[in-house]
Amino acid sequence: MRQDTHETLVTIGYIIAGLVGAGLSGIILTRNSLWHQPAVLASFLTIGFAGALIYAAVRLRGFGFALMMIVLLFFSQVALQPPLRATSAISAAIRALPIGVAFCTAAYLFKAIPKVPVGRFPLMALLVGGAHSLVVVLAGAWRQRPVPMALLVPMAVEGALVGGLMGLGFELIDLLRPRKGEPDWHAVVGH
């Protein structure tokens, strides 16, 4: 299989895993009322899509591409908060940067521990959960308001659930994709 075809298929797999993980998280957290809240659904799916692209960029290409995906996450957050004003851009940056860095860090950590094929998803849950908490803290500091613990903990749980389910999906994709130096499935089945 050609390298570009392989990367495209793996990226599509990561995107599907990211969308499914984020969508399931949204359904669980909203008690299945996610379908009646289009803005919330869009927010979860945006995180799933962008998180998958960030993860794929780190795993397949490197930090430069991951940085572009974090910028994409920023612009998607801006688009979800109309009208376009400086405050919505700052709010989007406060949300996109910690979450993007969490996915990027998780991807690098997953890449650094390749000998552990399964069970790395709690690490992503911790990082994304921490990033969601950091978003609340940064938003409170920017608005010069105290951060209530009643908001901090649910956001951490939300982020941990999103990160954990997405990380589980990413692990499954990583298990299915051939590694460098290993024969791909075409060679195994004789095509």
N, C-alpha and C. Protein backbone atom coordinates (compact mmCIF):
# COMPACT_ATOMS: atom_id res chain seq x y z
N MET A 1 0.86 -1.17 0.00
CA MET A 1 0.00 0.00 0.00
C MET A 1 0.90 1.23 0.00
N ARG A 2 0.56 2.17 -0.83
CA ARG A 2 1.36 3.41 -0.90
C ARG A 2 1.23 4.19 0.40
N GLN A 3 2.27 4.97 0.70
CA GLN A 3 2.31 5.74 1.95
C GLN A 3 1.17 6.74 2.06
N ASP A 4 0.88 7.46 0.98
CA ASP A 4 -0.19 8.47 1.05
C ASP A 4 -1.56 7.82 1.21
N THR A 5 -1.78 6.67 0.58
CA THR A 5 -3.04 5.95 0.75
C THR A 5 -3.18 5.46 2.18
N HIS A 6 -2.08 4.93 2.71
CA HIS A 6 -2.08 4.45 4.09
C HIS A 6 -2.40 5.58 5.07
N GLU A 7 -1.75 6.74 4.90
CA GLU A 7 -1.99 7.87 5.79
C GLU A 7 -3.42 8.37 5.68
N THR A 8 -3.97 8.38 4.47
CA THR A 8 -5.35 8.82 4.29
C THR A 8 -6.31 7.90 5.00
N LEU A 9 -6.14 6.59 4.84
CA LEU A 9 -7.03 5.64 5.49
C LEU A 9 -6.93 5.69 7.01
N VAL A 10 -5.71 5.82 7.51
CA VAL A 10 -5.52 5.91 8.96
C VAL A 10 -6.15 7.21 9.49
N THR A 11 -5.96 8.31 8.77
CA THR A 11 -6.56 9.58 9.19
C THR A 11 -8.07 9.49 9.20
N ILE A 12 -8.66 8.87 8.19
CA ILE A 12 -10.12 8.68 8.17
C ILE A 12 -10.55 7.83 9.36
N GLY A 13 -9.78 6.81 9.68
CA GLY A 13 -10.08 5.99 10.86
C GLY A 13 -10.04 6.81 12.14
N TYR A 14 -9.02 7.66 12.28
CA TYR A 14 -8.94 8.52 13.47
C TYR A 14 -10.12 9.49 13.52
N ILE A 15 -10.50 10.04 12.37
CA ILE A 15 -11.63 10.98 12.34
C ILE A 15 -12.91 10.27 12.77
N ILE A 16 -13.14 9.07 12.25
CA ILE A 16 -14.34 8.31 12.65
C ILE A 16 -14.30 8.02 14.14
N ALA A 17 -13.15 7.58 14.64
CA ALA A 17 -13.02 7.30 16.07
C ALA A 17 -13.25 8.56 16.90
N GLY A 18 -12.72 9.69 16.45
CA GLY A 18 -12.90 10.95 17.17
C GLY A 18 -14.35 11.40 17.20
N LEU A 19 -15.03 11.31 16.05
CA LEU A 19 -16.43 11.72 15.99
C LEU A 19 -17.32 10.79 16.82
N VAL A 20 -17.05 9.49 16.75
CA VAL A 20 -17.85 8.53 17.53
C VAL A 20 -17.60 8.75 19.03
N GLY A 21 -16.33 8.89 19.42
CA GLY A 21 -16.02 9.10 20.84
C GLY A 21 -16.63 10.37 21.39
N ALA A 22 -16.49 11.47 20.64
CA ALA A 22 -17.06 12.75 21.10
C ALA A 22 -18.59 12.70 21.07
N GLY A 23 -19.15 12.09 20.04
CA GLY A 23 -20.62 11.98 19.96
C GLY A 23 -21.19 11.14 21.09
N LEU A 24 -20.56 10.00 21.37
CA LEU A 24 -21.02 9.17 22.49
C LEU A 24 -20.91 9.92 23.82
N SER A 25 -19.83 10.66 23.98
CA SER A 25 -19.66 11.46 25.20
C SER A 25 -20.80 12.46 25.33
N GLY A 26 -21.13 13.14 24.24
CA GLY A 26 -22.23 14.10 24.27
C GLY A 26 -23.55 13.45 24.60
N ILE A 27 -23.79 12.28 24.04
CA ILE A 27 -25.05 11.56 24.32
C ILE A 27 -25.10 11.17 25.78
N ILE A 28 -24.01 10.65 26.32
CA ILE A 28 -23.96 10.24 27.73
C ILE A 28 -24.15 11.46 28.64
N LEU A 29 -23.45 12.53 28.36
CA LEU A 29 -23.49 13.70 29.24
C LEU A 29 -24.80 14.47 29.19
N THR A 30 -25.48 14.44 28.05
CA THR A 30 -26.76 15.16 27.95
C THR A 30 -27.95 14.23 28.15
N ARG A 31 -27.67 13.00 28.54
CA ARG A 31 -28.72 11.99 28.78
C ARG A 31 -29.61 11.82 27.55
N ASN A 32 -28.96 11.69 26.41
CA ASN A 32 -29.58 11.44 25.11
C ASN A 32 -30.39 12.62 24.57
N SER A 33 -30.25 13.80 25.14
CA SER A 33 -30.96 14.96 24.59
C SER A 33 -30.05 15.79 23.69
N LEU A 34 -28.90 15.24 23.33
CA LEU A 34 -27.93 15.94 22.48
C LEU A 34 -28.54 16.30 21.14
N TRP A 35 -29.41 15.45 20.61
CA TRP A 35 -29.99 15.67 19.29
C TRP A 35 -30.91 16.88 19.25
N HIS A 36 -31.38 17.33 20.42
CA HIS A 36 -32.27 18.49 20.49
C HIS A 36 -31.50 19.78 20.79
N GLN A 37 -30.19 19.69 20.86
CA GLN A 37 -29.34 20.84 21.16
C GLN A 37 -28.26 20.96 20.09
N PRO A 38 -28.59 21.53 18.93
CA PRO A 38 -27.63 21.56 17.82
C PRO A 38 -26.31 22.25 18.15
N ALA A 39 -26.32 23.29 18.95
CA ALA A 39 -25.07 23.99 19.28
C ALA A 39 -24.16 23.10 20.13
N VAL A 40 -24.74 22.37 21.05
CA VAL A 40 -23.94 21.47 21.89
C VAL A 40 -23.42 20.30 21.05
N LEU A 41 -24.26 19.76 20.18
CA LEU A 41 -23.84 18.69 19.27
C LEU A 41 -22.68 19.15 18.40
N ALA A 42 -22.79 20.35 17.85
CA ALA A 42 -21.71 20.89 17.01
C ALA A 42 -20.42 21.05 17.80
N SER A 43 -20.54 21.46 19.05
CA SER A 43 -19.35 21.63 19.89
C SER A 43 -18.65 20.30 20.13
N PHE A 44 -19.41 19.27 20.47
CA PHE A 44 -18.80 17.95 20.70
C PHE A 44 -18.17 17.41 19.42
N LEU A 45 -18.89 17.51 18.30
CA LEU A 45 -18.37 16.97 17.04
C LEU A 45 -17.15 17.75 16.55
N THR A 46 -17.12 19.05 16.82
CA THR A 46 -15.95 19.85 16.44
C THR A 46 -14.72 19.40 17.22
N ILE A 47 -14.90 19.17 18.52
CA ILE A 47 -13.78 18.68 19.34
C ILE A 47 -13.34 17.31 18.84
N GLY A 48 -14.29 16.45 18.51
CA GLY A 48 -13.95 15.12 18.01
C GLY A 48 -13.20 15.16 16.70
N PHE A 49 -13.67 15.99 15.77
CA PHE A 49 -13.04 16.11 14.46
C PHE A 49 -11.64 16.73 14.57
N ALA A 50 -11.56 17.86 15.24
CA ALA A 50 -10.27 18.54 15.36
C ALA A 50 -9.28 17.72 16.21
N GLY A 51 -9.76 17.12 17.28
CA GLY A 51 -8.89 16.27 18.11
C GLY A 51 -8.32 15.11 17.31
N ALA A 52 -9.15 14.52 16.45
CA ALA A 52 -8.69 13.42 15.60
C ALA A 52 -7.64 13.91 14.61
N LEU A 53 -7.87 15.08 14.03
CA LEU A 53 -6.88 15.61 13.08
C LEU A 53 -5.57 15.96 13.77
N ILE A 54 -5.65 16.49 14.98
CA ILE A 54 -4.43 16.80 15.73
C ILE A 54 -3.67 15.52 16.04
N TYR A 55 -4.40 14.51 16.50
CA TYR A 55 -3.79 13.23 16.83
C TYR A 55 -3.15 12.61 15.58
N ALA A 56 -3.89 12.61 14.47
CA ALA A 56 -3.37 12.04 13.22
C ALA A 56 -2.15 12.81 12.74
N ALA A 57 -2.17 14.12 12.86
CA ALA A 57 -1.04 14.93 12.41
C ALA A 57 0.22 14.58 13.18
N VAL A 58 0.10 14.43 14.49
CA VAL A 58 1.28 14.08 15.30
C VAL A 58 1.74 12.67 14.97
N ARG A 59 0.81 11.74 14.89
CA ARG A 59 1.18 10.34 14.66
C ARG A 59 1.78 10.10 13.28
N LEU A 60 1.28 10.84 12.28
CA LEU A 60 1.69 10.55 10.90
C LEU A 60 2.67 11.57 10.30
N ARG A 61 2.61 12.82 10.75
CA ARG A 61 3.40 13.86 10.09
C ARG A 61 4.33 14.62 11.03
N GLY A 62 3.84 15.11 12.15
CA GLY A 62 4.70 15.86 13.04
C GLY A 62 4.03 17.11 13.59
N PHE A 63 4.81 17.85 14.36
CA PHE A 63 4.27 18.99 15.11
C PHE A 63 3.75 20.11 14.22
N GLY A 64 4.39 20.37 13.10
CA GLY A 64 3.95 21.46 12.22
C GLY A 64 2.52 21.26 11.74
N PHE A 65 2.21 20.05 11.35
CA PHE A 65 0.85 19.75 10.92
C PHE A 65 -0.12 19.80 12.10
N ALA A 66 0.33 19.34 13.27
CA ALA A 66 -0.52 19.40 14.46
C ALA A 66 -0.84 20.85 14.82
N LEU A 67 0.14 21.72 14.67
CA LEU A 67 -0.08 23.14 14.95
C LEU A 67 -1.14 23.73 14.01
N MET A 68 -1.09 23.32 12.74
CA MET A 68 -2.12 23.77 11.80
C MET A 68 -3.50 23.28 12.21
N MET A 69 -3.59 22.07 12.76
CA MET A 69 -4.87 21.53 13.19
C MET A 69 -5.39 22.25 14.44
N ILE A 70 -4.47 22.70 15.30
CA ILE A 70 -4.88 23.50 16.46
C ILE A 70 -5.45 24.84 15.99
N VAL A 71 -4.84 25.42 14.96
CA VAL A 71 -5.37 26.66 14.38
C VAL A 71 -6.75 26.39 13.77
N LEU A 72 -6.92 25.23 13.13
CA LEU A 72 -8.23 24.85 12.60
C LEU A 72 -9.26 24.74 13.72
N LEU A 73 -8.86 24.17 14.85
CA LEU A 73 -9.75 24.09 16.01
C LEU A 73 -10.14 25.48 16.48
N PHE A 74 -9.18 26.40 16.52
CA PHE A 74 -9.47 27.78 16.91
C PHE A 74 -10.52 28.39 15.99
N PHE A 75 -10.33 28.26 14.66
CA PHE A 75 -11.28 28.86 13.74
C PHE A 75 -12.65 28.20 13.80
N SER A 76 -12.68 26.90 14.06
CA SER A 76 -13.99 26.25 14.22
C SER A 76 -14.69 26.73 15.48
N GLN A 77 -13.92 27.00 16.55
CA GLN A 77 -14.52 27.55 17.77
C GLN A 77 -15.03 28.97 17.53
N VAL A 78 -14.31 29.75 16.74
CA VAL A 78 -14.77 31.09 16.39
C VAL A 78 -16.09 31.00 15.62
N ALA A 79 -16.16 30.04 14.68
CA ALA A 79 -17.37 29.88 13.87
C ALA A 79 -18.57 29.46 14.71
N LEU A 80 -18.33 28.76 15.82
CA LEU A 80 -19.42 28.32 16.68
C LEU A 80 -19.93 29.41 17.62
N GLN A 81 -19.24 30.57 17.65
CA GLN A 81 -19.61 31.65 18.57
C GLN A 81 -19.88 32.96 17.83
N PRO A 82 -20.86 32.97 16.92
CA PRO A 82 -21.12 34.23 16.21
C PRO A 82 -21.71 35.26 17.14
N PRO A 83 -21.66 36.52 16.85
CA PRO A 83 -20.99 37.17 15.73
C PRO A 83 -19.49 37.28 15.99
N LEU A 84 -18.76 37.53 14.93
CA LEU A 84 -17.32 37.63 15.02
C LEU A 84 -16.93 38.94 15.70
N ARG A 85 -16.38 38.81 16.90
CA ARG A 85 -15.89 39.96 17.67
C ARG A 85 -14.60 39.54 18.35
N ALA A 86 -13.92 40.50 18.90
CA ALA A 86 -12.68 40.21 19.61
C ALA A 86 -12.93 39.29 20.80
N THR A 87 -14.04 39.49 21.49
CA THR A 87 -14.33 38.64 22.65
C THR A 87 -14.58 37.19 22.24
N SER A 88 -15.24 36.98 21.11
CA SER A 88 -15.46 35.60 20.67
C SER A 88 -14.16 34.96 20.20
N ALA A 89 -13.26 35.73 19.62
CA ALA A 89 -11.95 35.21 19.21
C ALA A 89 -11.11 34.83 20.43
N ILE A 90 -11.15 35.67 21.46
CA ILE A 90 -10.40 35.37 22.69
C ILE A 90 -10.98 34.14 23.37
N SER A 91 -12.30 34.07 23.42
CA SER A 91 -12.96 32.91 24.01
C SER A 91 -12.63 31.63 23.24
N ALA A 92 -12.59 31.72 21.92
CA ALA A 92 -12.24 30.56 21.10
C ALA A 92 -10.80 30.14 21.35
N ALA A 93 -9.91 31.10 21.49
CA ALA A 93 -8.50 30.79 21.77
C ALA A 93 -8.34 30.13 23.14
N ILE A 94 -9.09 30.64 24.13
CA ILE A 94 -9.04 30.06 25.47
C ILE A 94 -9.50 28.61 25.44
N ARG A 95 -10.43 28.29 24.58
CA ARG A 95 -10.92 26.91 24.48
C ARG A 95 -10.02 26.05 23.59
N ALA A 96 -9.59 26.57 22.47
CA ALA A 96 -8.87 25.76 21.49
C ALA A 96 -7.44 25.43 21.93
N LEU A 97 -6.75 26.37 22.51
CA LEU A 97 -5.34 26.14 22.82
C LEU A 97 -5.13 25.02 23.85
N PRO A 98 -5.77 25.06 25.03
CA PRO A 98 -5.52 23.96 25.98
C PRO A 98 -5.98 22.60 25.46
N ILE A 99 -7.11 22.58 24.78
CA ILE A 99 -7.63 21.30 24.28
C ILE A 99 -6.74 20.79 23.16
N GLY A 100 -6.33 21.67 22.26
CA GLY A 100 -5.43 21.26 21.18
C GLY A 100 -4.10 20.75 21.70
N VAL A 101 -3.54 21.45 22.68
CA VAL A 101 -2.27 21.02 23.27
C VAL A 101 -2.44 19.69 23.99
N ALA A 102 -3.59 19.46 24.62
CA ALA A 102 -3.84 18.18 25.30
C ALA A 102 -3.84 17.02 24.30
N PHE A 103 -4.53 17.19 23.17
CA PHE A 103 -4.54 16.14 22.16
C PHE A 103 -3.15 15.93 21.57
N CYS A 104 -2.44 17.00 21.35
CA CYS A 104 -1.08 16.93 20.81
C CYS A 104 -0.16 16.19 21.79
N THR A 105 -0.23 16.55 23.05
CA THR A 105 0.58 15.90 24.08
C THR A 105 0.25 14.42 24.19
N ALA A 106 -1.05 14.11 24.17
CA ALA A 106 -1.46 12.70 24.25
C ALA A 106 -0.93 11.91 23.06
N ALA A 107 -0.98 12.50 21.88
CA ALA A 107 -0.48 11.80 20.69
C ALA A 107 1.02 11.54 20.81
N TYR A 108 1.76 12.51 21.30
CA TYR A 108 3.20 12.31 21.48
C TYR A 108 3.48 11.25 22.54
N LEU A 109 2.69 11.24 23.61
CA LEU A 109 2.88 10.22 24.64
C LEU A 109 2.51 8.84 24.11
N PHE A 110 1.43 8.75 23.34
CA PHE A 110 1.06 7.46 22.74
C PHE A 110 2.18 6.98 21.82
N LYS A 111 2.78 7.92 21.10
CA LYS A 111 3.86 7.60 20.17
C LYS A 111 5.12 7.17 20.94
N ALA A 112 5.33 7.74 22.11
CA ALA A 112 6.53 7.46 22.90
C ALA A 112 6.47 6.11 23.60
N ILE A 113 5.27 5.58 23.80
CA ILE A 113 5.15 4.29 24.48
C ILE A 113 4.48 3.26 23.56
N PRO A 114 5.13 2.94 22.44
CA PRO A 114 4.51 2.02 21.48
C PRO A 114 4.47 0.58 21.96
N LYS A 115 5.27 0.23 22.94
CA LYS A 115 5.29 -1.15 23.43
C LYS A 115 4.02 -1.48 24.21
N VAL A 116 3.29 -0.47 24.64
CA VAL A 116 2.03 -0.68 25.34
C VAL A 116 0.91 -0.51 24.32
N PRO A 117 0.40 -1.62 23.75
CA PRO A 117 -0.56 -1.48 22.66
C PRO A 117 -1.96 -1.06 23.12
N VAL A 118 -2.33 -1.42 24.34
CA VAL A 118 -3.66 -1.06 24.84
C VAL A 118 -3.55 -0.49 26.24
N GLY A 119 -4.55 0.27 26.63
CA GLY A 119 -4.58 0.82 27.97
C GLY A 119 -3.99 2.20 28.12
N ARG A 120 -3.75 2.89 26.99
CA ARG A 120 -3.20 4.24 27.06
C ARG A 120 -4.29 5.30 27.09
N PHE A 121 -5.54 4.91 26.79
CA PHE A 121 -6.61 5.89 26.71
C PHE A 121 -6.87 6.64 28.01
N PRO A 122 -6.65 6.06 29.21
CA PRO A 122 -6.83 6.87 30.42
C PRO A 122 -5.89 8.08 30.47
N LEU A 123 -4.73 7.94 29.84
CA LEU A 123 -3.81 9.06 29.77
C LEU A 123 -4.42 10.21 28.97
N MET A 124 -5.06 9.88 27.86
CA MET A 124 -5.73 10.92 27.07
C MET A 124 -6.91 11.49 27.85
N ALA A 125 -7.62 10.64 28.58
CA ALA A 125 -8.74 11.12 29.40
C ALA A 125 -8.25 12.13 30.43
N LEU A 126 -7.13 11.84 31.06
CA LEU A 126 -6.57 12.76 32.06
C LEU A 126 -6.16 14.08 31.43
N LEU A 127 -5.48 14.02 30.29
CA LEU A 127 -5.00 15.24 29.64
C LEU A 127 -6.16 16.11 29.14
N VAL A 128 -7.12 15.50 28.47
CA VAL A 128 -8.25 16.28 27.94
C VAL A 128 -9.14 16.77 29.07
N GLY A 129 -9.31 15.97 30.11
CA GLY A 129 -10.07 16.43 31.28
C GLY A 129 -9.39 17.61 31.96
N GLY A 130 -8.07 17.53 32.09
CA GLY A 130 -7.33 18.66 32.65
C GLY A 130 -7.41 19.90 31.78
N ALA A 131 -7.41 19.69 30.45
CA ALA A 131 -7.52 20.83 29.54
C ALA A 131 -8.88 21.50 29.66
N HIS A 132 -9.94 20.71 29.80
CA HIS A 132 -11.27 21.30 29.98
C HIS A 132 -11.33 22.12 31.28
N SER A 133 -10.70 21.60 32.34
CA SER A 133 -10.65 22.36 33.59
C SER A 133 -9.85 23.64 33.42
N LEU A 134 -8.76 23.56 32.69
CA LEU A 134 -7.94 24.74 32.44
C LEU A 134 -8.72 25.79 31.64
N VAL A 135 -9.56 25.34 30.73
CA VAL A 135 -10.40 26.28 29.97
C VAL A 135 -11.29 27.07 30.92
N VAL A 136 -11.88 26.39 31.89
CA VAL A 136 -12.75 27.07 32.87
C VAL A 136 -11.95 28.07 33.69
N VAL A 137 -10.76 27.67 34.12
CA VAL A 137 -9.91 28.57 34.92
C VAL A 137 -9.49 29.79 34.10
N LEU A 138 -9.06 29.56 32.86
CA LEU A 138 -8.63 30.68 32.01
C LEU A 138 -9.79 31.61 31.66
N ALA A 139 -10.97 31.04 31.41
CA ALA A 139 -12.14 31.87 31.11
C ALA A 139 -12.52 32.70 32.33
N GLY A 140 -12.44 32.12 33.51
CA GLY A 140 -12.73 32.87 34.73
C GLY A 140 -11.73 33.98 34.97
N ALA A 141 -10.46 33.70 34.72
CA ALA A 141 -9.43 34.72 34.89
C ALA A 141 -9.61 35.84 33.87
N TRP A 142 -9.95 35.49 32.63
CA TRP A 142 -10.15 36.51 31.60
C TRP A 142 -11.34 37.40 31.93
N ARG A 143 -12.39 36.82 32.45
CA ARG A 143 -13.58 37.60 32.82
C ARG A 143 -13.47 38.18 34.22
N GLN A 144 -12.38 37.89 34.90
CA GLN A 144 -12.12 38.36 36.26
C GLN A 144 -13.24 37.96 37.21
N ARG A 145 -13.58 36.68 37.12
CA ARG A 145 -14.60 36.10 38.00
C ARG A 145 -13.99 34.88 38.69
N PRO A 146 -14.43 34.61 39.91
CA PRO A 146 -13.93 33.40 40.57
C PRO A 146 -14.47 32.15 39.86
N VAL A 147 -13.69 31.09 39.91
CA VAL A 147 -14.08 29.83 39.27
C VAL A 147 -14.78 28.95 40.30
N PRO A 148 -16.08 28.72 40.12
CA PRO A 148 -16.79 27.87 41.08
C PRO A 148 -16.41 26.40 40.89
N MET A 149 -16.17 25.71 41.98
CA MET A 149 -15.83 24.28 41.93
C MET A 149 -16.97 23.49 41.30
N ALA A 150 -18.20 24.00 41.43
CA ALA A 150 -19.35 23.32 40.85
C ALA A 150 -19.29 23.30 39.32
N LEU A 151 -18.52 24.17 38.72
CA LEU A 151 -18.35 24.17 37.27
C LEU A 151 -17.06 23.46 36.85
N LEU A 152 -16.06 23.54 37.69
CA LEU A 152 -14.75 22.97 37.37
C LEU A 152 -14.80 21.44 37.28
N VAL A 153 -15.43 20.80 38.24
CA VAL A 153 -15.48 19.34 38.26
C VAL A 153 -16.29 18.76 37.09
N PRO A 154 -17.49 19.27 36.79
CA PRO A 154 -18.21 18.72 35.64
C PRO A 154 -17.47 18.91 34.31
N MET A 155 -16.77 20.01 34.15
CA MET A 155 -16.00 20.21 32.93
C MET A 155 -14.83 19.22 32.85
N ALA A 156 -14.21 18.93 33.98
CA ALA A 156 -13.14 17.93 33.99
C ALA A 156 -13.69 16.56 33.64
N VAL A 157 -14.85 16.23 34.16
CA VAL A 157 -15.48 14.94 33.85
C VAL A 157 -15.86 14.88 32.38
N GLU A 158 -16.41 15.97 31.86
CA GLU A 158 -16.76 16.03 30.44
C GLU A 158 -15.53 15.81 29.57
N GLY A 159 -14.47 16.52 29.87
CA GLY A 159 -13.24 16.38 29.10
C GLY A 159 -12.64 14.99 29.22
N ALA A 160 -12.69 14.43 30.43
CA ALA A 160 -12.15 13.08 30.63
C ALA A 160 -12.94 12.04 29.85
N LEU A 161 -14.25 12.20 29.81
CA LEU A 161 -15.08 11.26 29.05
C LEU A 161 -14.80 11.38 27.55
N VAL A 162 -14.76 12.62 27.06
CA VAL A 162 -14.45 12.84 25.65
C VAL A 162 -13.06 12.28 25.31
N GLY A 163 -12.07 12.64 26.09
CA GLY A 163 -10.71 12.18 25.85
C GLY A 163 -10.58 10.67 25.97
N GLY A 164 -11.23 10.10 26.96
CA GLY A 164 -11.14 8.65 27.16
C GLY A 164 -11.77 7.86 26.02
N LEU A 165 -12.96 8.26 25.61
CA LEU A 165 -13.62 7.53 24.52
C LEU A 165 -12.89 7.74 23.19
N MET A 166 -12.43 8.96 22.95
CA MET A 166 -11.65 9.19 21.73
C MET A 166 -10.33 8.42 21.78
N GLY A 167 -9.67 8.43 22.92
CA GLY A 167 -8.42 7.69 23.08
C GLY A 167 -8.60 6.20 22.87
N LEU A 168 -9.71 5.66 23.34
CA LEU A 168 -10.00 4.25 23.13
C LEU A 168 -10.15 3.95 21.64
N GLY A 169 -10.85 4.83 20.94
CA GLY A 169 -10.99 4.67 19.49
C GLY A 169 -9.65 4.79 18.77
N PHE A 170 -8.83 5.74 19.19
CA PHE A 170 -7.52 5.91 18.57
C PHE A 170 -6.65 4.67 18.81
N GLU A 171 -6.75 4.09 20.01
CA GLU A 171 -5.99 2.87 20.29
C GLU A 171 -6.42 1.74 19.37
N LEU A 172 -7.71 1.62 19.13
CA LEU A 172 -8.20 0.57 18.23
C LEU A 172 -7.65 0.76 16.82
N ILE A 173 -7.64 2.00 16.35
CA ILE A 173 -7.10 2.28 15.02
C ILE A 173 -5.60 1.97 15.01
N ASP A 174 -4.89 2.34 16.07
CA ASP A 174 -3.46 2.06 16.14
C ASP A 174 -3.18 0.56 16.14
N LEU A 175 -4.06 -0.22 16.75
CA LEU A 175 -3.89 -1.68 16.76
C LEU A 175 -4.11 -2.28 15.37
N LEU A 176 -5.00 -1.68 14.60
CA LEU A 176 -5.35 -2.22 13.29
C LEU A 176 -4.39 -1.83 12.18
N ARG A 177 -3.71 -0.70 12.35
CA ARG A 177 -2.84 -0.24 11.26
C ARG A 177 -1.49 -0.93 11.31
N PRO A 178 -0.95 -1.27 10.13
CA PRO A 178 0.36 -1.93 10.11
C PRO A 178 1.47 -0.95 10.51
N ARG A 179 2.46 -1.47 11.17
CA ARG A 179 3.62 -0.67 11.59
C ARG A 179 4.68 -0.71 10.49
N LYS A 180 5.61 0.23 10.57
CA LYS A 180 6.73 0.22 9.63
C LYS A 180 7.52 -1.06 9.83
N GLY A 181 7.87 -1.68 8.72
CA GLY A 181 8.64 -2.92 8.79
C GLY A 181 7.77 -4.15 8.90
N GLU A 182 6.47 -4.00 9.16
CA GLU A 182 5.57 -5.13 9.22
C GLU A 182 4.82 -5.22 7.90
N PRO A 183 4.47 -6.43 7.48
CA PRO A 183 3.71 -6.53 6.23
C PRO A 183 2.31 -5.98 6.42
N ASP A 184 1.80 -5.33 5.38
CA ASP A 184 0.43 -4.85 5.49
C ASP A 184 -0.53 -5.99 5.15
N TRP A 185 -1.79 -5.77 5.26
CA TRP A 185 -2.77 -6.84 5.10
C TRP A 185 -2.82 -7.36 3.67
N HIS A 186 -2.42 -6.54 2.67
CA HIS A 186 -2.38 -7.02 1.30
C HIS A 186 -1.34 -8.14 1.16
N ALA A 187 -0.18 -7.95 1.81
CA ALA A 187 0.87 -8.95 1.72
C ALA A 187 0.47 -10.23 2.45
N VAL A 188 -0.31 -10.10 3.52
CA VAL A 188 -0.73 -11.26 4.29
C VAL A 188 -1.72 -12.12 3.51
N VAL A 189 -2.67 -11.48 2.83
CA VAL A 189 -3.70 -12.24 2.12
C VAL A 189 -3.26 -12.57 0.70
N GLY A 190 -2.10 -12.12 0.26
CA GLY A 190 -1.55 -12.49 -1.02
C GLY A 190 -2.06 -11.72 -2.21
N HIS A 191 -2.44 -10.46 -2.04
CA HIS A 191 -2.90 -9.63 -3.16
C HIS A 191 -1.77 -8.80 -3.70
